[in-house]
Amino acid sequence: MSEDNNIVLTSKEPSLGEVCLAPEVIEVIIGIAASQVDGVYSMRGSIANSFSELLGRQIRGKGVKVNKDEDQLKVDVYVFLNYGVSVPKVAAQIQEKVRQQVLFMTGIEILGVDVHVQGVIPEKQEQTIDPNNLFGEENGEE
């Protein structure tokens, strides 16, 4: 990874050196913050993320894209939501939680958080077929 992609944090004590964060660190913070919002089913991942998860690795930064313009960050978050939630309300909660967590953990003010809802996932339905009575017969007689 090239050094110009890193995010340099400003320090109160410049004589101590500088702190550089890889964009992946910001993506992980954002991914965890967004996935903790009630109503978020999951984050969208790439094919590479899916293969990594099959191998047992948990990808925390999936569904997040960080764009860096000079000293400002703009974030895109791609999510699947649970069926029945208020999409605008959950999206606003994601924006606020992401902004707060990044500011708290890094001191970086995010310019904007764009939430992209990729789908709505319905609840799993209970099995309605009784495995002991497949044909709906009562007491085995008909």
C-alpha atoms as a PDB file:
ATOM      1  CA  MET A   1       0.000   0.000   0.000  1.00  0.00           C
ATOM      2  CA  SER A   2       1.374   3.385  -0.883  1.00  0.00           C
ATOM      3  CA  GLU A   3       1.949   5.885   1.858  1.00  0.00           C
ATOM      4  CA  ASP A   4      -0.113   8.640   0.177  1.00  0.00           C
ATOM      5  CA  ASN A   5      -3.279   6.599   0.825  1.00  0.00           C
ATOM      6  CA  ASN A   6      -2.670   6.694   4.570  1.00  0.00           C
ATOM      7  CA  ILE A   7      -4.541   9.173   6.712  1.00  0.00           C
ATOM      8  CA  VAL A   8      -2.292  11.291   8.896  1.00  0.00           C
ATOM      9  CA  LEU A   9      -3.734  12.326  12.238  1.00  0.00           C
ATOM     10  CA  THR A  10      -2.760  15.711  13.569  1.00  0.00           C
ATOM     11  CA  SER A  11      -0.951  15.647  16.886  1.00  0.00           C
ATOM     12  CA  LYS A  12      -0.876  18.135  19.732  1.00  0.00           C
ATOM     13  CA  GLU A  13       2.798  17.245  20.177  1.00  0.00           C
ATOM     14  CA  PRO A  14       4.378  17.382  16.698  1.00  0.00           C
ATOM     15  CA  SER A  15       7.799  16.599  18.164  1.00  0.00           C
ATOM     16  CA  LEU A  16       6.621  13.071  19.013  1.00  0.00           C
ATOM     17  CA  GLY A  17       6.094  12.126  15.367  1.00  0.00           C
ATOM     18  CA  GLU A  18       3.013  11.440  13.300  1.00  0.00           C
ATOM     19  CA  VAL A  19       0.258   8.851  13.421  1.00  0.00           C
ATOM     20  CA  CYS A  20      -0.815   7.328  10.108  1.00  0.00           C
ATOM     21  CA  LEU A  21      -3.920   5.216   9.630  1.00  0.00           C
ATOM     22  CA  ALA A  22      -4.497   2.934   6.672  1.00  0.00           C
ATOM     23  CA  PRO A  23      -7.915   3.481   5.060  1.00  0.00           C
ATOM     24  CA  GLU A  24      -8.753  -0.123   5.941  1.00  0.00           C
ATOM     25  CA  VAL A  25      -8.698   0.827   9.639  1.00  0.00           C
ATOM     26  CA  ILE A  26     -11.366   3.483   9.035  1.00  0.00           C
ATOM     27  CA  GLU A  27     -13.368   0.956   6.987  1.00  0.00           C
ATOM     28  CA  VAL A  28     -13.324  -1.536   9.872  1.00  0.00           C
ATOM     29  CA  ILE A  29     -14.475   1.114  12.366  1.00  0.00           C
ATOM     30  CA  ILE A  30     -17.290   2.145  10.028  1.00  0.00           C
ATOM     31  CA  GLY A  31     -18.302  -1.450   9.279  1.00  0.00           C
ATOM     32  CA  ILE A  32     -18.590  -2.366  12.935  1.00  0.00           C
ATOM     33  CA  ALA A  33     -20.466   0.843  13.802  1.00  0.00           C
ATOM     34  CA  ALA A  34     -22.966   0.440  10.955  1.00  0.00           C
ATOM     35  CA  SER A  35     -23.628  -3.241  11.627  1.00  0.00           C
ATOM     36  CA  GLN A  36     -24.480  -2.473  15.275  1.00  0.00           C
ATOM     37  CA  VAL A  37     -27.446  -0.260  14.330  1.00  0.00           C
ATOM     38  CA  ASP A  38     -30.828  -1.914  14.977  1.00  0.00           C
ATOM     39  CA  GLY A  39     -32.489  -2.822  11.696  1.00  0.00           C
ATOM     40  CA  VAL A  40     -29.286  -3.605   9.796  1.00  0.00           C
ATOM     41  CA  TYR A  41     -29.351  -7.228   8.619  1.00  0.00           C
ATOM     42  CA  SER A  42     -25.876  -7.256   7.076  1.00  0.00           C
ATOM     43  CA  MET A  43     -23.334  -5.293   5.099  1.00  0.00           C
ATOM     44  CA  ARG A  44     -22.798  -5.854   1.392  1.00  0.00           C
ATOM     45  CA  GLY A  45     -19.539  -7.537   0.523  1.00  0.00           C
ATOM     46  CA  SER A  46     -17.604  -8.349  -2.604  1.00  0.00           C
ATOM     47  CA  ILE A  47     -16.920 -11.797  -4.046  1.00  0.00           C
ATOM     48  CA  ALA A  48     -13.463 -11.700  -2.444  1.00  0.00           C
ATOM     49  CA  ASN A  49     -15.109 -11.031   0.942  1.00  0.00           C
ATOM     50  CA  SER A  50     -17.429 -14.000   0.426  1.00  0.00           C
ATOM     51  CA  PHE A  51     -14.515 -16.336  -0.303  1.00  0.00           C
ATOM     52  CA  SER A  52     -12.627 -15.063   2.734  1.00  0.00           C
ATOM     53  CA  GLU A  53     -15.649 -15.697   4.939  1.00  0.00           C
ATOM     54  CA  LEU A  54     -15.942 -19.225   3.566  1.00  0.00           C
ATOM     55  CA  LEU A  55     -12.359 -19.786   4.693  1.00  0.00           C
ATOM     56  CA  GLY A  56     -13.292 -18.700   8.203  1.00  0.00           C
ATOM     57  CA  ARG A  57     -12.090 -15.113   8.158  1.00  0.00           C
ATOM     58  CA  GLN A  58     -14.534 -12.468   9.280  1.00  0.00           C
ATOM     59  CA  ILE A  59     -14.330  -9.327   7.172  1.00  0.00           C
ATOM     60  CA  ARG A  60     -15.267  -6.277   9.254  1.00  0.00           C
ATOM     61  CA  GLY A  61     -14.818  -3.585   6.588  1.00  0.00           C
ATOM     62  CA  LYS A  62     -17.095  -5.095   3.960  1.00  0.00           C
ATOM     63  CA  GLY A  63     -19.787  -2.875   2.547  1.00  0.00           C
ATOM     64  CA  VAL A  64     -17.763   0.277   3.209  1.00  0.00           C
ATOM     65  CA  LYS A  65     -15.936   2.548   0.796  1.00  0.00           C
ATOM     66  CA  VAL A  66     -13.839   5.472   2.039  1.00  0.00           C
ATOM     67  CA  ASN A  67     -13.015   8.321  -0.339  1.00  0.00           C
ATOM     68  CA  LYS A  68     -10.242  10.696   0.658  1.00  0.00           C
ATOM     69  CA  ASP A  69     -10.055  14.207  -0.800  1.00  0.00           C
ATOM     70  CA  GLU A  70      -7.054  16.012   0.634  1.00  0.00           C
ATOM     71  CA  ASP A  71      -7.905  16.131   4.358  1.00  0.00           C
ATOM     72  CA  GLN A  72     -11.602  15.280   4.094  1.00  0.00           C
ATOM     73  CA  LEU A  73     -13.245  11.852   4.144  1.00  0.00           C
ATOM     74  CA  LYS A  74     -16.463  10.867   2.447  1.00  0.00           C
ATOM     75  CA  VAL A  75     -17.931   7.454   3.200  1.00  0.00           C
ATOM     76  CA  ASP A  76     -20.261   5.114   1.311  1.00  0.00           C
ATOM     77  CA  VAL A  77     -21.983   2.383   3.342  1.00  0.00           C
ATOM     78  CA  TYR A  78     -23.808  -0.473   1.579  1.00  0.00           C
ATOM     79  CA  VAL A  79     -26.337  -2.350   3.734  1.00  0.00           C
ATOM     80  CA  PHE A  80     -29.166  -4.860   3.734  1.00  0.00           C
ATOM     81  CA  LEU A  81     -31.979  -4.004   6.150  1.00  0.00           C
ATOM     82  CA  ASN A  82     -34.483  -6.129   8.033  1.00  0.00           C
ATOM     83  CA  TYR A  83     -38.006  -6.139   6.639  1.00  0.00           C
ATOM     84  CA  GLY A  84     -40.404  -3.808   8.445  1.00  0.00           C
ATOM     85  CA  VAL A  85     -37.945  -1.162   9.633  1.00  0.00           C
ATOM     86  CA  SER A  86     -38.194   2.506   8.720  1.00  0.00           C
ATOM     87  CA  VAL A  87     -35.545   2.919   6.030  1.00  0.00           C
ATOM     88  CA  PRO A  88     -35.010   6.689   6.537  1.00  0.00           C
ATOM     89  CA  LYS A  89     -34.786   6.252  10.321  1.00  0.00           C
ATOM     90  CA  VAL A  90     -32.267   3.392  10.139  1.00  0.00           C
ATOM     91  CA  ALA A  91     -30.210   5.230   7.489  1.00  0.00           C
ATOM     92  CA  ALA A  92     -30.061   8.352   9.686  1.00  0.00           C
ATOM     93  CA  GLN A  93     -28.990   6.214  12.658  1.00  0.00           C
ATOM     94  CA  ILE A  94     -26.235   4.642  10.549  1.00  0.00           C
ATOM     95  CA  GLN A  95     -24.992   8.087   9.488  1.00  0.00           C
ATOM     96  CA  GLU A  96     -24.912   9.369  13.055  1.00  0.00           C
ATOM     97  CA  LYS A  97     -23.329   6.233  14.572  1.00  0.00           C
ATOM     98  CA  VAL A  98     -20.604   6.132  11.889  1.00  0.00           C
ATOM     99  CA  ARG A  99     -19.843   9.842  12.297  1.00  0.00           C
ATOM    100  CA  GLN A 100     -19.652   9.529  16.095  1.00  0.00           C
ATOM    101  CA  GLN A 101     -17.479   6.404  16.149  1.00  0.00           C
ATOM    102  CA  VAL A 102     -14.947   7.696  13.631  1.00  0.00           C
ATOM    103  CA  LEU A 103     -14.713  11.036  15.457  1.00  0.00           C
ATOM    104  CA  PHE A 104     -14.363   9.315  18.852  1.00  0.00           C
ATOM    105  CA  MET A 105     -11.788   6.737  17.772  1.00  0.00           C
ATOM    106  CA  THR A 106      -9.667   8.816  15.387  1.00  0.00           C
ATOM    107  CA  GLY A 107     -10.561  12.476  15.844  1.00  0.00           C
ATOM    108  CA  ILE A 108     -11.412  12.690  12.125  1.00  0.00           C
ATOM    109  CA  GLU A 109     -14.522  14.634  11.121  1.00  0.00           C
ATOM    110  CA  ILE A 110     -16.290  12.919   8.221  1.00  0.00           C
ATOM    111  CA  LEU A 111     -17.565  15.172   5.439  1.00  0.00           C
ATOM    112  CA  GLY A 112     -20.500  12.902   4.588  1.00  0.00           C
ATOM    113  CA  VAL A 113     -21.899   9.405   5.029  1.00  0.00           C
ATOM    114  CA  ASP A 114     -23.940   8.097   2.095  1.00  0.00           C
ATOM    115  CA  VAL A 115     -26.055   5.048   2.937  1.00  0.00           C
ATOM    116  CA  HIS A 116     -26.939   2.731   0.048  1.00  0.00           C
ATOM    117  CA  VAL A 117     -29.710   0.244   0.895  1.00  0.00           C
ATOM    118  CA  GLN A 118     -29.012  -2.808  -1.268  1.00  0.00           C
ATOM    119  CA  GLY A 119     -32.025  -4.842  -0.187  1.00  0.00           C
ATOM    120  CA  VAL A 120     -34.556  -5.758   2.452  1.00  0.00           C
ATOM    121  CA  ILE A 121     -34.415  -9.209   4.034  1.00  0.00           C
ATOM    122  CA  PRO A 122     -37.716 -10.761   5.186  1.00  0.00           C
ATOM    123  CA  GLU A 123     -37.974 -12.581   8.489  1.00  0.00           C
ATOM    124  CA  LYS A 124     -37.609 -16.335   8.426  1.00  0.00           C
ATOM    125  CA  GLN A 125     -40.992 -17.970   8.595  1.00  0.00           C
ATOM    126  CA  GLU A 126     -41.836 -20.837  10.877  1.00  0.00           C
ATOM    127  CA  GLN A 127     -42.204 -24.229   9.257  1.00  0.00           C
ATOM    128  CA  THR A 128     -45.938 -24.856   8.842  1.00  0.00           C
ATOM    129  CA  ILE A 129     -45.691 -28.541   7.937  1.00  0.00           C
ATOM    130  CA  ASP A 130     -45.768 -31.004  10.797  1.00  0.00           C
ATOM    131  CA  PRO A 131     -43.134 -33.656  10.008  1.00  0.00           C
ATOM    132  CA  ASN A 132     -45.171 -36.228  11.983  1.00  0.00           C
ATOM    133  CA  ASN A 133     -48.308 -35.492   9.994  1.00  0.00           C
ATOM    134  CA  LEU A 134     -47.182 -34.660   6.431  1.00  0.00           C
ATOM    135  CA  PHE A 135     -50.567 -35.083   4.744  1.00  0.00           C
ATOM    136  CA  GLY A 136     -52.735 -33.426   7.380  1.00  0.00           C
ATOM    137  CA  GLU A 137     -54.385 -36.683   8.404  1.00  0.00           C
ATOM    138  CA  GLU A 138     -55.813 -36.962  11.853  1.00  0.00           C
ATOM    139  CA  ASN A 139     -54.700 -40.018  13.834  1.00  0.00           C
ATOM    140  CA  GLY A 140     -53.496 -41.676  10.630  1.00  0.00           C
ATOM    141  CA  GLU A 141     -57.073 -42.321   9.454  1.00  0.00           C
ATOM    142  CA  GLU A 142     -58.792 -40.953   6.411  1.00  0.00           C
END
